[in-house]
Amino acid sequence: TVPRYADSVKGRFTVSPDGAKNSVY
């Protein structure tokens, strides 16, 4: 929830947590 991105990367970068793998990409 509440994703937030710098203007310089908005639309190009994506943060994706994965609870099953205990990782964030």
PDB file of all heavy atoms in Angstrom:
ATOM      1  N   THR A   1       0.818  -1.200   0.000  1.00  0.00           N
ATOM      2  CA  THR A   1       0.000   0.000   0.000  1.00  0.00           C
ATOM      3  C   THR A   1       0.860   1.260   0.000  1.00  0.00           C
ATOM      4  O   THR A   1       2.057   1.223   0.239  1.00  0.00           O
ATOM      5  CB  THR A   1      -0.956   0.015   1.200  1.00  0.00           C
ATOM      6  OG1 THR A   1      -0.199  -0.064   2.417  1.00  0.00           O
ATOM      7  CG2 THR A   1      -1.920  -1.164   1.126  1.00  0.00           C
ATOM      8  N   VAL A   2       0.235   2.385  -0.243  1.00  0.00           N
ATOM      9  CA  VAL A   2       0.823   3.735  -0.306  1.00  0.00           C
ATOM     10  C   VAL A   2       2.139   3.786  -1.078  1.00  0.00           C
ATOM     11  O   VAL A   2       3.133   4.326  -0.590  1.00  0.00           O
ATOM     12  CB  VAL A   2       0.969   4.371   1.104  1.00  0.00           C
ATOM     13  CG1 VAL A   2      -0.395   4.600   1.703  1.00  0.00           C
ATOM     14  CG2 VAL A   2       1.835   3.518   2.035  1.00  0.00           C
ATOM     15  N   PRO A   3       2.195   3.270  -2.307  1.00  0.00           N
ATOM     16  CA  PRO A   3       3.432   3.374  -3.095  1.00  0.00           C
ATOM     17  C   PRO A   3       3.778   4.822  -3.410  1.00  0.00           C
ATOM     18  O   PRO A   3       2.889   5.662  -3.586  1.00  0.00           O
ATOM     19  CB  PRO A   3       3.108   2.583  -4.369  1.00  0.00           C
ATOM     20  CG  PRO A   3       1.618   2.659  -4.494  1.00  0.00           C
ATOM     21  CD  PRO A   3       1.109   2.614  -3.082  1.00  0.00           C
ATOM     22  N   ARG A   4       5.077   5.087  -3.504  1.00  0.00           N
ATOM     23  CA  ARG A   4       5.553   6.442  -3.760  1.00  0.00           C
ATOM     24  C   ARG A   4       6.846   6.363  -4.555  1.00  0.00           C
ATOM     25  O   ARG A   4       7.693   5.517  -4.283  1.00  0.00           O
ATOM     26  CB  ARG A   4       5.788   7.178  -2.436  1.00  0.00           C
ATOM     27  CG  ARG A   4       6.161   8.641  -2.561  1.00  0.00           C
ATOM     28  CD  ARG A   4       6.363   9.228  -1.181  1.00  0.00           C
ATOM     29  NE  ARG A   4       6.522  10.668  -1.201  1.00  0.00           N
ATOM     30  CZ  ARG A   4       6.671  11.425  -0.127  1.00  0.00           C
ATOM     31  NH1 ARG A   4       6.669  10.868   1.077  1.00  0.00           N
ATOM     32  NH2 ARG A   4       6.810  12.734  -0.240  1.00  0.00           N
ATOM     33  N   TYR A   5       7.010   7.256  -5.549  1.00  0.00           N
ATOM     34  CA  TYR A   5       8.186   7.241  -6.405  1.00  0.00           C
ATOM     35  C   TYR A   5       8.722   8.646  -6.615  1.00  0.00           C
ATOM     36  O   TYR A   5       7.969   9.624  -6.625  1.00  0.00           O
ATOM     37  CB  TYR A   5       7.867   6.635  -7.772  1.00  0.00           C
ATOM     38  CG  TYR A   5       7.430   5.201  -7.711  1.00  0.00           C
ATOM     39  CD1 TYR A   5       6.084   4.872  -7.635  1.00  0.00           C
ATOM     40  CD2 TYR A   5       8.362   4.169  -7.721  1.00  0.00           C
ATOM     41  CE1 TYR A   5       5.674   3.554  -7.567  1.00  0.00           C
ATOM     42  CE2 TYR A   5       7.964   2.849  -7.655  1.00  0.00           C
ATOM     43  CZ  TYR A   5       6.619   2.544  -7.575  1.00  0.00           C
ATOM     44  OH  TYR A   5       6.222   1.228  -7.511  1.00  0.00           O
ATOM     45  N   ALA A   6      10.025   8.733  -6.800  1.00  0.00           N
ATOM     46  CA  ALA A   6      10.628   9.994  -7.197  1.00  0.00           C
ATOM     47  C   ALA A   6      10.142  10.362  -8.597  1.00  0.00           C
ATOM     48  O   ALA A   6       9.912   9.491  -9.441  1.00  0.00           O
ATOM     49  CB  ALA A   6      12.149   9.887  -7.176  1.00  0.00           C
ATOM     50  N   ASP A   7      10.000  11.668  -8.856  1.00  0.00           N
ATOM     51  CA  ASP A   7       9.536  12.109 -10.167  1.00  0.00           C
ATOM     52  C   ASP A   7      10.440  11.616 -11.295  1.00  0.00           C
ATOM     53  O   ASP A   7       9.968  11.334 -12.400  1.00  0.00           O
ATOM     54  CB  ASP A   7       9.457  13.636 -10.212  1.00  0.00           C
ATOM     55  CG  ASP A   7       8.313  14.186  -9.387  1.00  0.00           C
ATOM     56  OD1 ASP A   7       7.384  13.423  -9.056  1.00  0.00           O
ATOM     57  OD2 ASP A   7       8.341  15.386  -9.073  1.00  0.00           O
ATOM     58  N   SER A   8      11.724  11.483 -11.025  1.00  0.00           N
ATOM     59  CA  SER A   8      12.679  11.094 -12.050  1.00  0.00           C
ATOM     60  C   SER A   8      12.506   9.653 -12.527  1.00  0.00           C
ATOM     61  O   SER A   8      12.989   9.301 -13.607  1.00  0.00           O
ATOM     62  CB  SER A   8      14.114  11.298 -11.552  1.00  0.00           C
ATOM     63  OG  SER A   8      14.358  10.538 -10.381  1.00  0.00           O
ATOM     64  N   VAL A   9      11.824   8.808 -11.735  1.00  0.00           N
ATOM     65  CA  VAL A   9      11.661   7.402 -12.103  1.00  0.00           C
ATOM     66  C   VAL A   9      10.205   7.000 -12.268  1.00  0.00           C
ATOM     67  O   VAL A   9       9.930   5.864 -12.679  1.00  0.00           O
ATOM     68  CB  VAL A   9      12.334   6.462 -11.078  1.00  0.00           C
ATOM     69  CG1 VAL A   9      13.786   6.854 -10.863  1.00  0.00           C
ATOM     70  CG2 VAL A   9      11.569   6.464  -9.751  1.00  0.00           C
ATOM     71  N   LYS A  10       9.285   7.889 -11.976  1.00  0.00           N
ATOM     72  CA  LYS A  10       7.859   7.575 -12.038  1.00  0.00           C
ATOM     73  C   LYS A  10       7.467   7.122 -13.443  1.00  0.00           C
ATOM     74  O   LYS A  10       7.811   7.765 -14.429  1.00  0.00           O
ATOM     75  CB  LYS A  10       7.046   8.792 -11.607  1.00  0.00           C
ATOM     76  CG  LYS A  10       5.600   8.495 -11.245  1.00  0.00           C
ATOM     77  CD  LYS A  10       4.928   9.730 -10.649  1.00  0.00           C
ATOM     78  CE  LYS A  10       5.636  10.185  -9.380  1.00  0.00           C
ATOM     79  NZ  LYS A  10       4.985  11.379  -8.773  1.00  0.00           N
ATOM     80  N   GLY A  11       6.764   5.993 -13.510  1.00  0.00           N
ATOM     81  CA  GLY A  11       6.363   5.425 -14.786  1.00  0.00           C
ATOM     82  C   GLY A  11       7.368   4.471 -15.377  1.00  0.00           C
ATOM     83  O   GLY A  11       7.040   3.747 -16.328  1.00  0.00           O
ATOM     84  N   ARG A  12       8.597   4.452 -14.851  1.00  0.00           N
ATOM     85  CA  ARG A  12       9.637   3.555 -15.343  1.00  0.00           C
ATOM     86  C   ARG A  12      10.015   2.479 -14.330  1.00  0.00           C
ATOM     87  O   ARG A  12      10.368   1.366 -14.716  1.00  0.00           O
ATOM     88  CB  ARG A  12      10.899   4.338 -15.717  1.00  0.00           C
ATOM     89  CG  ARG A  12      10.694   5.362 -16.825  1.00  0.00           C
ATOM     90  CD  ARG A  12      12.030   5.957 -17.283  1.00  0.00           C
ATOM     91  NE  ARG A  12      12.695   6.700 -16.214  1.00  0.00           N
ATOM     92  CZ  ARG A  12      13.903   6.409 -15.733  1.00  0.00           C
ATOM     93  NH1 ARG A  12      14.594   5.387 -16.232  1.00  0.00           N
ATOM     94  NH2 ARG A  12      14.435   7.145 -14.769  1.00  0.00           N
ATOM     95  N   PHE A  13       9.970   2.815 -13.043  1.00  0.00           N
ATOM     96  CA  PHE A  13      10.368   1.894 -11.976  1.00  0.00           C
ATOM     97  C   PHE A  13       9.142   1.450 -11.190  1.00  0.00           C
ATOM     98  O   PHE A  13       8.184   2.218 -11.023  1.00  0.00           O
ATOM     99  CB  PHE A  13      11.342   2.564 -11.003  1.00  0.00           C
ATOM    100  CG  PHE A  13      12.709   2.858 -11.555  1.00  0.00           C
ATOM    101  CD1 PHE A  13      12.994   2.747 -12.908  1.00  0.00           C
ATOM    102  CD2 PHE A  13      13.726   3.257 -10.691  1.00  0.00           C
ATOM    103  CE1 PHE A  13      14.258   3.030 -13.409  1.00  0.00           C
ATOM    104  CE2 PHE A  13      14.992   3.540 -11.176  1.00  0.00           C
ATOM    105  CZ  PHE A  13      15.262   3.427 -12.532  1.00  0.00           C
ATOM    106  N   THR A  14       9.189   0.217 -10.666  1.00  0.00           N
ATOM    107  CA  THR A  14       8.103  -0.324  -9.858  1.00  0.00           C
ATOM    108  C   THR A  14       8.662  -1.094  -8.672  1.00  0.00           C
ATOM    109  O   THR A  14       9.518  -1.963  -8.843  1.00  0.00           O
ATOM    110  CB  THR A  14       7.195  -1.260 -10.673  1.00  0.00           C
ATOM    111  OG1 THR A  14       6.700  -0.575 -11.831  1.00  0.00           O
ATOM    112  CG2 THR A  14       6.011  -1.718  -9.823  1.00  0.00           C
ATOM    113  N   VAL A  15       8.171  -0.784  -7.477  1.00  0.00           N
ATOM    114  CA  VAL A  15       8.538  -1.506  -6.264  1.00  0.00           C
ATOM    115  C   VAL A  15       7.478  -2.569  -6.005  1.00  0.00           C
ATOM    116  O   VAL A  15       6.290  -2.255  -5.959  1.00  0.00           O
ATOM    117  CB  VAL A  15       8.647  -0.555  -5.058  1.00  0.00           C
ATOM    118  CG1 VAL A  15       8.889  -1.341  -3.768  1.00  0.00           C
ATOM    119  CG2 VAL A  15       9.761   0.464  -5.278  1.00  0.00           C
ATOM    120  N   SER A  16       7.903  -3.828  -5.822  1.00  0.00           N
ATOM    121  CA  SER A  16       6.968  -4.937  -5.678  1.00  0.00           C
ATOM    122  C   SER A  16       7.372  -5.851  -4.526  1.00  0.00           C
ATOM    123  O   SER A  16       8.252  -6.704  -4.690  1.00  0.00           O
ATOM    124  CB  SER A  16       6.885  -5.749  -6.969  1.00  0.00           C
ATOM    125  OG  SER A  16       6.486  -4.945  -8.064  1.00  0.00           O
ATOM    126  N   PRO A  17       6.744  -5.707  -3.366  1.00  0.00           N
ATOM    127  CA  PRO A  17       7.004  -6.662  -2.277  1.00  0.00           C
ATOM    128  C   PRO A  17       6.397  -8.024  -2.586  1.00  0.00           C
ATOM    129  O   PRO A  17       5.351  -8.112  -3.231  1.00  0.00           O
ATOM    130  CB  PRO A  17       6.311  -6.024  -1.069  1.00  0.00           C
ATOM    131  CG  PRO A  17       6.047  -4.598  -1.461  1.00  0.00           C
ATOM    132  CD  PRO A  17       5.841  -4.625  -2.941  1.00  0.00           C
ATOM    133  N   ASP A  18       7.056  -9.080  -2.133  1.00  0.00           N
ATOM    134  CA  ASP A  18       6.570 -10.443  -2.309  1.00  0.00           C
ATOM    135  C   ASP A  18       6.696 -11.147  -0.973  1.00  0.00           C
ATOM    136  O   ASP A  18       7.771 -11.611  -0.604  1.00  0.00           O
ATOM    137  CB  ASP A  18       7.363 -11.164  -3.388  1.00  0.00           C
ATOM    138  CG  ASP A  18       6.776 -12.524  -3.743  1.00  0.00           C
ATOM    139  OD1 ASP A  18       6.086 -13.120  -2.898  1.00  0.00           O
ATOM    140  OD2 ASP A  18       7.014 -12.991  -4.870  1.00  0.00           O
ATOM    141  N   GLY A  19       5.587 -11.228  -0.244  1.00  0.00           N
ATOM    142  CA  GLY A  19       5.607 -11.828   1.077  1.00  0.00           C
ATOM    143  C   GLY A  19       5.983 -13.293   1.071  1.00  0.00           C
ATOM    144  O   GLY A  19       6.623 -13.771   2.007  1.00  0.00           O
ATOM    145  N   ALA A  20       5.600 -14.030   0.028  1.00  0.00           N
ATOM    146  CA  ALA A  20       5.899 -15.452  -0.046  1.00  0.00           C
ATOM    147  C   ALA A  20       7.399 -15.708  -0.129  1.00  0.00           C
ATOM    148  O   ALA A  20       7.878 -16.757   0.313  1.00  0.00           O
ATOM    149  CB  ALA A  20       5.190 -16.082  -1.242  1.00  0.00           C
ATOM    150  N   LYS A  21       8.147 -14.771  -0.701  1.00  0.00           N
ATOM    151  CA  LYS A  21       9.593 -14.925  -0.857  1.00  0.00           C
ATOM    152  C   LYS A  21      10.391 -14.049   0.098  1.00  0.00           C
ATOM    153  O   LYS A  21      11.622 -14.026   0.029  1.00  0.00           O
ATOM    154  CB  LYS A  21      10.003 -14.623  -2.295  1.00  0.00           C
ATOM    155  CG  LYS A  21       9.413 -15.578  -3.309  1.00  0.00           C
ATOM    156  CD  LYS A  21       9.913 -15.275  -4.704  1.00  0.00           C
ATOM    157  CE  LYS A  21       9.370 -16.276  -5.709  1.00  0.00           C
ATOM    158  NZ  LYS A  21       9.856 -15.996  -7.081  1.00  0.00           N
ATOM    159  N   ASN A  22       9.705 -13.320   0.958  1.00  0.00           N
ATOM    160  CA  ASN A  22      10.365 -12.392   1.882  1.00  0.00           C
ATOM    161  C   ASN A  22      11.349 -11.486   1.153  1.00  0.00           C
ATOM    162  O   ASN A  22      12.490 -11.293   1.581  1.00  0.00           O
ATOM    163  CB  ASN A  22      11.061 -13.149   3.011  1.00  0.00           C
ATOM    164  CG  ASN A  22      10.193 -13.266   4.250  1.00  0.00           C
ATOM    165  OD1 ASN A  22       9.029 -13.640   4.164  1.00  0.00           O
ATOM    166  ND2 ASN A  22      10.752 -12.941   5.409  1.00  0.00           N
ATOM    167  N   SER A  23      10.884 -10.925   0.036  1.00  0.00           N
ATOM    168  CA  SER A  23      11.725 -10.076  -0.794  1.00  0.00           C
ATOM    169  C   SER A  23      10.928  -8.896  -1.313  1.00  0.00           C
ATOM    170  O   SER A  23       9.704  -8.950  -1.408  1.00  0.00           O
ATOM    171  CB  SER A  23      12.299 -10.857  -1.979  1.00  0.00           C
ATOM    172  OG  SER A  23      13.142 -11.912  -1.553  1.00  0.00           O
ATOM    173  N   VAL A  24      11.647  -7.840  -1.652  1.00  0.00           N
ATOM    174  CA  VAL A  24      11.057  -6.714  -2.352  1.00  0.00           C
ATOM    175  C   VAL A  24      11.904  -6.446  -3.590  1.00  0.00           C
ATOM    176  O   VAL A  24      13.137  -6.454  -3.520  1.00  0.00           O
ATOM    177  CB  VAL A  24      10.943  -5.462  -1.446  1.00  0.00           C
ATOM    178  CG1 VAL A  24      12.308  -5.031  -0.917  1.00  0.00           C
ATOM    179  CG2 VAL A  24      10.261  -4.326  -2.190  1.00  0.00           C
ATOM    180  N   TYR A  25      11.247  -6.224  -4.726  1.00  0.00           N
ATOM    181  CA  TYR A  25      11.935  -6.058  -5.991  1.00  0.00           C
ATOM    182  C   TYR A  25      11.813  -4.623  -6.488  1.00  0.00           C
ATOM    183  O   TYR A  25      10.844  -3.925  -6.205  1.00  0.00           O
ATOM    184  CB  TYR A  25      11.354  -7.005  -7.040  1.00  0.00           C
ATOM    185  CG  TYR A  25      11.393  -8.449  -6.616  1.00  0.00           C
ATOM    186  CD1 TYR A  25      10.263  -9.075  -6.096  1.00  0.00           C
ATOM    187  CD2 TYR A  25      12.569  -9.192  -6.711  1.00  0.00           C
ATOM    188  CE1 TYR A  25      10.298 -10.396  -5.693  1.00  0.00           C
ATOM    189  CE2 TYR A  25      12.610 -10.515  -6.311  1.00  0.00           C
ATOM    190  CZ  TYR A  25      11.477 -11.111  -5.806  1.00  0.00           C
ATOM    191  OH  TYR A  25      11.527 -12.427  -5.405  1.00  0.00           O
TER     192      TYR A  25
END
